[in-house]
Protein backbone atom coordinates (compact mmCIF):
# COMPACT_ATOMS: atom_id res chain seq x y z
CA MET A 1 -72.81 94.39 58.59
CA THR A 2 -71.99 97.94 59.71
CA THR A 3 -71.40 98.43 63.27
CA ARG A 4 -72.05 101.73 65.08
CA ARG A 5 -68.42 102.17 65.60
CA VAL A 6 -67.67 101.85 61.94
CA PHE A 7 -70.39 104.23 61.12
CA ILE A 8 -69.26 107.00 63.49
CA ALA A 9 -65.62 106.41 62.24
CA SER A 10 -66.67 106.87 58.52
CA LEU A 11 -68.56 110.08 59.38
CA LEU A 12 -65.51 111.51 61.54
CA ALA A 13 -63.54 110.76 58.27
CA ALA A 14 -65.86 112.41 55.97
CA SER A 15 -66.02 115.49 58.17
CA ALA A 16 -62.13 115.78 58.60
CA ASN A 17 -61.51 115.02 54.87
CA PRO A 18 -60.35 118.27 53.14
CA ALA A 19 -61.29 116.94 49.56
CA ALA A 20 -64.72 118.18 49.76
CA GLY A 21 -67.06 118.17 46.59
CA TRP A 22 -67.47 121.03 44.12
CA ALA A 23 -70.73 122.12 45.83
CA ALA A 24 -68.59 123.25 48.80
CA VAL A 25 -67.24 126.07 46.38
CA GLY A 26 -70.38 127.12 44.88
CA GLY A 27 -70.92 124.43 42.31
CA PRO A 28 -68.78 125.54 39.49
CA THR A 29 -69.03 124.15 36.18
CA TYR A 30 -65.75 125.74 34.51
CA LEU A 31 -62.21 126.83 35.41
CA ALA A 32 -60.37 129.47 33.80
CA ALA A 33 -57.10 131.18 34.50
CA ALA A 34 -56.73 135.19 34.39
CA LYS A 35 -54.76 138.08 34.92
CA CYS A 36 -55.89 140.64 37.31
CA ARG A 37 -55.72 144.30 37.02
CA ASP A 38 -52.82 144.63 39.65
CA GLY A 39 -50.81 142.27 37.60
CA SER A 40 -51.40 139.00 39.67
CA HIS A 41 -52.67 135.85 38.47
CA MET A 42 -55.30 133.54 39.42
CA LEU A 43 -57.37 130.55 38.99
CA ALA A 44 -61.37 131.05 38.99
CA GLY A 45 -64.31 128.51 39.33
CA LEU A 46 -67.13 129.79 37.06
CA ARG A 47 -70.87 129.01 37.17
CA GLU A 48 -72.91 127.93 34.16
CA ASP A 49 -74.05 131.60 34.07
CA GLY A 50 -70.70 132.94 33.89
CA SER A 51 -70.65 134.34 37.51
CA VAL A 52 -67.41 133.59 39.66
CA ALA A 53 -67.74 131.04 42.25
CA PHE A 54 -64.25 131.19 43.73
CA THR A 55 -60.71 132.31 42.80
CA VAL A 56 -57.29 131.15 44.18
CA PRO A 57 -53.89 132.72 43.27
CA LEU A 58 -51.37 131.48 41.06
CA PRO A 59 -47.57 132.46 41.32
CA ALA A 60 -47.39 133.08 37.48
CA ARG A 61 -49.59 133.25 34.34
CA GLY A 62 -51.69 130.24 33.88
CA HIS A 63 -52.68 128.24 30.89
CA ALA A 64 -55.06 125.41 31.45
CA ALA A 65 -56.23 123.49 34.52
CA ALA A 66 -57.50 120.21 35.40
CA ALA A 67 -60.30 119.64 37.77
CA HIS A 68 -60.46 116.67 39.94
CA PRO A 69 -63.94 114.62 39.06
CA GLU A 70 -65.07 114.59 42.69
CA ARG A 71 -63.18 116.62 45.04
CA ALA A 72 -62.81 120.28 44.73
CA GLU A 73 -59.24 120.11 43.84
CA ALA A 74 -57.80 121.63 40.67
CA VAL A 75 -54.43 121.55 39.00
CA GLY A 76 -53.18 124.76 37.61
CA PHE A 77 -50.49 124.62 34.71
CA ALA A 78 -48.01 127.23 34.06
CA ARG A 79 -48.09 128.70 30.53
CA ARG A 80 -46.15 126.38 28.38
CA PRO A 81 -43.42 125.11 28.59
CA GLY A 82 -43.78 125.94 32.27
CA SER A 83 -41.96 125.38 35.58
CA TYR A 84 -45.00 124.89 37.71
CA ALA A 85 -47.90 122.76 38.30
CA MET A 86 -49.78 123.19 41.47
CA VAL A 87 -52.82 121.33 43.11
CA VAL A 88 -54.85 123.82 45.12
CA ASP A 89 -58.00 123.27 47.19
CA CYS A 90 -60.55 125.44 45.67
CA ARG A 91 -62.20 126.32 49.18
CA ASP A 92 -59.59 128.42 50.37
CA GLY A 93 -56.88 128.52 48.02
CA THR A 94 -54.36 126.32 49.96
CA VAL A 95 -51.69 124.85 47.97
CA LEU A 96 -52.18 121.25 48.49
CA HIS A 97 -48.99 119.83 46.32
CA ARG A 98 -46.38 121.31 43.85
CA LEU A 99 -45.72 119.07 41.28
CA SER A 100 -42.00 118.96 40.05
CA ALA A 101 -41.47 117.21 36.63
CA PRO A 102 -38.08 115.38 36.34
CA GLN A 103 -34.92 117.66 36.00
CA ASP A 104 -34.80 117.16 32.41
CA ARG A 105 -38.52 118.12 31.81
CA GLN A 106 -41.00 120.97 31.38
CA PHE A 107 -44.65 120.86 31.73
CA ASN A 108 -46.50 121.71 28.72
CA GLY A 109 -49.58 123.76 29.75
CA HIS A 110 -52.29 120.86 29.94
CA GLY A 111 -53.20 117.80 31.89
CA THR A 112 -56.22 115.50 32.69
CA PHE A 113 -57.30 113.21 35.58
CA SER A 114 -58.56 109.74 35.17
CA PRO A 115 -62.35 109.26 35.43
CA ASP A 116 -62.20 107.89 38.97
CA GLY A 117 -59.79 110.85 39.79
CA ALA A 118 -57.07 108.33 40.91
CA LEU A 119 -54.56 109.44 38.52
CA LEU A 120 -53.49 112.83 36.89
CA TYR A 121 -51.71 112.72 33.45
CA THR A 122 -49.62 115.76 32.54
CA CYS A 123 -48.13 116.63 29.38
CA GLU A 124 -44.52 117.20 29.27
CA GLN A 125 -41.44 117.68 27.01
CA ARG A 126 -37.73 116.92 27.32
CA VAL A 127 -35.70 120.11 27.60
CA GLU A 128 -33.01 119.11 25.16
CA ASP A 129 -35.09 118.13 22.15
CA SER A 130 -38.90 118.61 23.15
CA GLU A 131 -39.36 114.93 22.83
CA GLY A 132 -42.65 114.23 24.51
CA PHE A 133 -43.83 112.38 27.71
CA VAL A 134 -46.82 111.87 29.69
CA GLY A 135 -46.29 112.08 33.46
CA ILE A 136 -48.41 109.80 35.78
CA TRP A 137 -49.33 111.07 39.36
CA ASP A 138 -51.13 108.99 42.18
CA THR A 139 -53.74 111.75 43.60
CA ALA A 140 -54.09 109.34 46.79
CA ALA A 141 -50.63 109.47 47.65
CA SER A 142 -49.92 113.03 47.68
CA TYR A 143 -49.79 113.27 43.80
CA SER A 144 -46.48 111.28 44.02
CA ARG A 145 -45.24 110.61 40.65
CA ILE A 146 -45.52 106.97 39.94
CA GLY A 147 -44.52 106.58 36.23
CA GLU A 148 -44.50 108.01 32.60
CA PHE A 149 -44.72 107.08 29.16
CA ARG A 150 -43.61 108.89 25.62
CA SER A 151 -46.54 110.77 23.69
CA HIS A 152 -44.64 109.27 20.56
CA GLY A 153 -44.21 112.86 19.37
CA VAL A 154 -42.81 115.90 19.63
CA GLY A 155 -44.13 118.78 21.98
CA PRO A 156 -47.19 117.12 23.41
CA HIS A 157 -49.43 120.09 24.34
CA ASP A 158 -53.02 118.59 25.10
CA ILE A 159 -54.24 115.13 26.38
CA ARG A 160 -57.89 113.88 26.86
CA VAL A 161 -59.22 110.69 28.23
CA MET A 162 -61.29 108.75 25.69
CA PRO A 163 -64.90 107.71 26.59
CA ASP A 164 -63.90 104.02 26.77
CA HIS A 165 -61.89 105.31 29.89
CA GLN A 166 -59.17 102.85 28.69
CA SER A 167 -57.41 104.95 26.17
CA LEU A 168 -55.98 108.57 25.94
CA VAL A 169 -55.92 110.92 23.00
CA ILE A 170 -52.66 113.23 22.76
CA ALA A 171 -51.91 116.34 20.72
CA ASN A 172 -48.44 116.38 19.77
CA GLY A 173 -47.67 120.09 18.28
CA GLY A 174 -44.38 118.79 16.52
CA ILE A 175 -42.63 121.82 17.55
CA ARG A 176 -39.08 121.90 19.28
CA THR A 177 -38.67 124.91 21.41
CA ASP A 178 -35.55 126.44 22.94
CA ARG A 179 -35.40 125.68 26.55
CA TRP A 180 -34.92 129.38 27.38
CA ASP A 181 -36.90 131.48 25.02
CA ARG A 182 -39.45 129.15 23.33
CA ALA A 183 -37.83 129.80 19.94
CA LYS A 184 -39.12 127.46 17.52
CA LEU A 185 -36.34 125.41 16.12
CA ASN A 186 -37.56 122.93 13.50
CA ILE A 187 -40.36 124.48 11.52
CA ASP A 188 -39.14 123.49 8.13
CA VAL A 189 -39.26 119.66 9.37
CA MET A 190 -41.75 119.71 12.09
CA ARG A 191 -44.28 116.60 12.17
CA PRO A 192 -47.28 117.08 14.30
CA SER A 193 -49.47 114.09 15.15
CA LEU A 194 -52.63 112.74 16.88
CA VAL A 195 -51.90 109.86 19.08
CA TYR A 196 -53.92 107.36 20.62
CA VAL A 197 -52.45 105.39 23.61
CA ASP A 198 -53.86 102.76 26.19
CA VAL A 199 -53.28 103.77 29.93
CA THR A 200 -50.09 102.23 29.91
CA GLY A 201 -48.81 104.15 27.02
CA ALA A 202 -48.78 101.43 24.58
CA LEU A 203 -49.37 103.03 20.88
CA LEU A 204 -52.76 102.33 19.47
CA GLU A 205 -52.90 104.53 16.45
CA ARG A 206 -50.93 107.84 15.10
CA ARG A 207 -52.25 110.15 12.78
CA ASP A 208 -50.45 112.65 10.76
CA LEU A 209 -51.87 115.54 8.61
CA PRO A 210 -50.36 115.00 5.06
CA GLY A 211 -49.85 118.09 3.14
CA PHE A 212 -50.30 120.15 6.39
CA TYR A 213 -47.09 119.30 8.34
CA GLN A 214 -46.69 122.77 9.42
CA ASN A 215 -50.17 122.75 11.06
CA SER A 216 -49.57 122.32 14.54
CA ILE A 217 -52.07 120.20 16.45
CA ARG A 218 -52.55 122.21 19.80
CA HIS A 219 -55.88 121.53 21.44
CA LEU A 220 -58.72 118.63 21.74
CA ALA A 221 -62.31 118.21 22.09
CA VAL A 222 -63.94 114.76 22.84
CA ARG A 223 -67.45 113.87 22.09
CA GLY A 224 -68.91 111.04 24.27
CA ASP A 225 -68.94 108.77 21.16
CA GLY A 226 -65.35 109.05 20.42
CA LEU A 227 -65.42 111.86 17.88
CA VAL A 228 -62.25 114.11 18.37
CA GLY A 229 -61.85 117.69 17.33
CA LEU A 230 -58.26 119.02 16.76
CA ALA A 231 -57.87 122.76 16.92
CA MET A 232 -54.41 123.78 14.87
CA GLN A 233 -52.16 126.62 14.54
CA TRP A 234 -50.21 127.31 11.29
CA GLU A 235 -46.60 127.60 11.30
CA GLY A 236 -45.78 127.89 7.71
CA GLU A 237 -45.85 130.74 5.18
CA ALA A 238 -47.71 133.94 6.27
CA GLY A 239 -50.80 134.61 4.36
CA TYR A 240 -51.71 131.03 3.70
CA ALA A 241 -55.02 129.79 5.07
CA PRO A 242 -55.09 126.22 5.73
CA PRO A 243 -57.94 124.64 7.67
CA LEU A 244 -57.60 124.97 11.60
CA LEU A 245 -59.81 122.33 12.53
CA ALA A 246 -60.07 118.72 11.85
CA LEU A 247 -62.40 115.74 13.04
CA HIS A 248 -61.11 112.18 13.49
CA ARG A 249 -62.49 108.87 14.64
CA ARG A 250 -60.00 106.02 15.31
CA GLY A 251 -59.55 103.73 12.51
CA ALA A 252 -60.43 106.63 9.81
CA PRO A 253 -58.41 109.27 8.22
CA PRO A 254 -58.96 112.82 9.53
CA VAL A 255 -61.61 115.05 8.01
CA LEU A 256 -60.11 118.78 7.50
CA CYS A 257 -62.82 121.20 8.17
CA GLU A 258 -62.71 124.11 5.84
CA ALA A 259 -64.07 127.59 6.04
CA PRO A 260 -64.48 129.93 3.08
CA LEU A 261 -61.39 131.40 2.06
CA GLN A 262 -61.82 134.86 3.67
CA ASP A 263 -63.16 133.44 6.86
CA GLU A 264 -59.96 131.30 6.96
CA LEU A 265 -57.68 134.44 6.20
CA ALA A 266 -59.40 136.41 9.16
CA MET A 267 -58.48 133.50 11.59
CA GLY A 268 -54.89 134.62 11.11
CA GLY A 269 -53.79 131.10 11.05
CA TYR A 270 -54.54 130.68 14.96
CA ALA A 271 -57.00 128.37 16.56
CA GLY A 272 -57.03 129.16 20.20
CA SER A 273 -59.66 126.63 21.65
CA VAL A 274 -62.00 123.80 20.49
CA ALA A 275 -65.19 122.66 21.74
CA PHE A 276 -68.39 120.71 21.03
CA SER A 277 -71.67 122.28 21.89
CA GLY A 278 -73.49 121.19 24.68
CA ASP A 279 -75.90 118.86 22.75
CA GLY A 280 -72.85 117.59 20.57
CA SER A 281 -74.40 118.50 17.38
CA GLU A 282 -71.48 121.07 16.29
CA ILE A 283 -68.24 121.92 16.87
CA ALA A 284 -66.38 125.50 17.10
CA ILE A 285 -63.01 127.07 17.26
CA THR A 286 -61.79 130.25 18.50
CA SER A 287 -59.12 132.67 17.35
CA PRO A 288 -58.10 135.63 19.62
CA ARG A 289 -55.89 136.89 16.71
CA GLY A 290 -58.76 137.11 14.54
CA GLY A 291 -61.29 137.88 17.08
CA ARG A 292 -63.80 135.48 15.97
CA ILE A 293 -65.49 132.11 16.34
CA HIS A 294 -66.09 129.38 13.75
CA ARG A 295 -68.83 127.00 13.78
CA PHE A 296 -69.02 123.84 12.17
CA SER A 297 -71.36 120.84 11.75
CA ASP A 298 -70.10 117.46 13.36
CA GLY A 299 -69.77 116.26 9.79
CA GLY A 300 -67.14 119.21 9.16
CA VAL A 301 -69.63 121.70 7.22
CA PHE A 302 -68.89 125.32 7.86
CA LEU A 303 -71.94 127.01 9.72
CA GLY A 304 -70.90 130.64 10.11
CA ALA A 305 -68.51 133.01 12.07
CA VAL A 306 -69.05 135.18 15.01
CA SER A 307 -66.98 138.31 15.87
CA ARG A 308 -65.51 139.09 19.19
CA ALA A 309 -62.23 140.62 20.16
CA ASP A 310 -59.61 138.81 21.99
CA VAL A 311 -61.83 135.57 22.14
CA CYS A 312 -60.08 132.45 23.18
CA GLY A 313 -61.81 130.31 25.98
CA LEU A 314 -64.54 127.90 24.82
CA ALA A 315 -66.61 125.01 26.51
CA PRO A 316 -69.77 123.32 26.15
CA HIS A 317 -72.88 125.00 27.58
CA ALA A 318 -76.43 123.71 27.85
CA GLY A 319 -77.26 126.56 25.65
CA GLY A 320 -74.55 125.91 22.97
CA TYR A 321 -71.07 127.14 24.01
CA VAL A 322 -69.50 129.45 26.79
CA ALA A 323 -66.78 131.77 25.60
CA SER A 324 -64.37 133.98 27.53
CA ASP A 325 -62.21 136.90 26.11
CA GLY A 326 -59.26 138.89 27.32
CA LEU A 327 -61.43 141.83 28.11
CA GLY A 328 -63.15 139.99 31.05
CA GLY A 329 -66.27 138.78 29.08
CA MET A 330 -68.21 135.50 29.74
CA LEU A 331 -70.19 134.73 26.62
CA LEU A 332 -73.08 132.63 25.43
CA LEU A 333 -72.79 131.23 21.83
CA ARG A 334 -76.33 129.82 20.65
CA GLY A 335 -76.56 129.23 16.95
CA GLY A 336 -74.97 132.38 15.35
CA THR A 337 -75.85 134.69 18.24
CA LEU A 338 -73.12 135.74 20.89
CA THR A 339 -74.63 137.09 24.26
CA ALA A 340 -73.09 138.34 27.29
CA LEU A 341 -73.41 136.27 30.36
CA ALA A 342 -71.14 138.14 32.86
CA ARG A 343 -68.18 140.51 33.18
CA ALA A 344 -65.23 140.33 35.48
CA ASP A 345 -62.40 142.92 36.01
CA VAL A 346 -59.66 140.71 34.54
CA ALA A 347 -57.94 139.44 31.41
CA TRP A 348 -59.19 135.69 31.05
CA ASP A 349 -56.54 133.59 29.79
CA ASN A 350 -56.67 130.93 26.98
CA HIS A 351 -58.82 128.37 28.16
CA LEU A 352 -62.13 127.20 29.73
CA VAL A 353 -62.28 123.90 31.16
CA ALA A 354 -65.38 121.98 32.03
CA ILE A 355 -65.09 120.46 35.24
CA ARG A 356 -67.37 117.58 34.47
CA ALA A 357 -67.56 116.56 30.62
């Protein structure tokens, strides 16, 4: 039985706990990094209507972020490969923790929390050869690093928890990069891979893309039934137009999603983000280079293209998708129609991250 003393103590602990929920910062639905007009950088929380719920400063250009599933905490990652990953209290911008990768590692732009928020997983690569690792951080113990495992590939860039909550999917881009200037060192022999591991890091499944070894797997989207979308970036011969989206279910070969040749060429060999629609019935990729969004059915059939300059961020929305661009626009994509939601005086960076999938 709960005593009066225990009850009062629990209330005091809750009121003193700085880890308030997302409602305390305006109930945002998404996180996005941005460059401000004065050249500074920030991380913003955005509501479903595209309005800004909060902003916190970042020390340099951000790439993506990870949102704690309960607490109003976010981890902002540097543009990859990067030197910072910082945990911020989204209520006031307080830097709660600065994460330091091992001396021979670099953060690689993305990370994700376990469903209960107890652990943070970070994509990392070894400086000398870009061999991939996943760092494990205990969020209840000041984000202390408690372990790591291999990503079973080179240059891991994105990582997601699978719906079973017992496994993770990793996008190994396959590219070795110079430690100083990000020069690509192994394009002729690169081997991207899609990897599934259990929560201990044990390899469950690895999939390559035969015939498309220079199609670097960069970003992931995961549907509730385990269907995975892969957004890719072509590193091969200029003017070639390979598919930039693939779908995968464990135990089956990847399904390449092809657009008509002229549409593929217009993407410039570059898919920036990928997301399933709010109802999960379709999937889309963006290309800031091509200034367009491509939509596909969940079976991989091309549904159409929508033009928008410098569009990159993409996430599920109740009405379809929400997209962001480098001109400060937040946009709703429903069917083949793109409409403005809101506009800010910033340049939104690469990604929109849903706080709750």
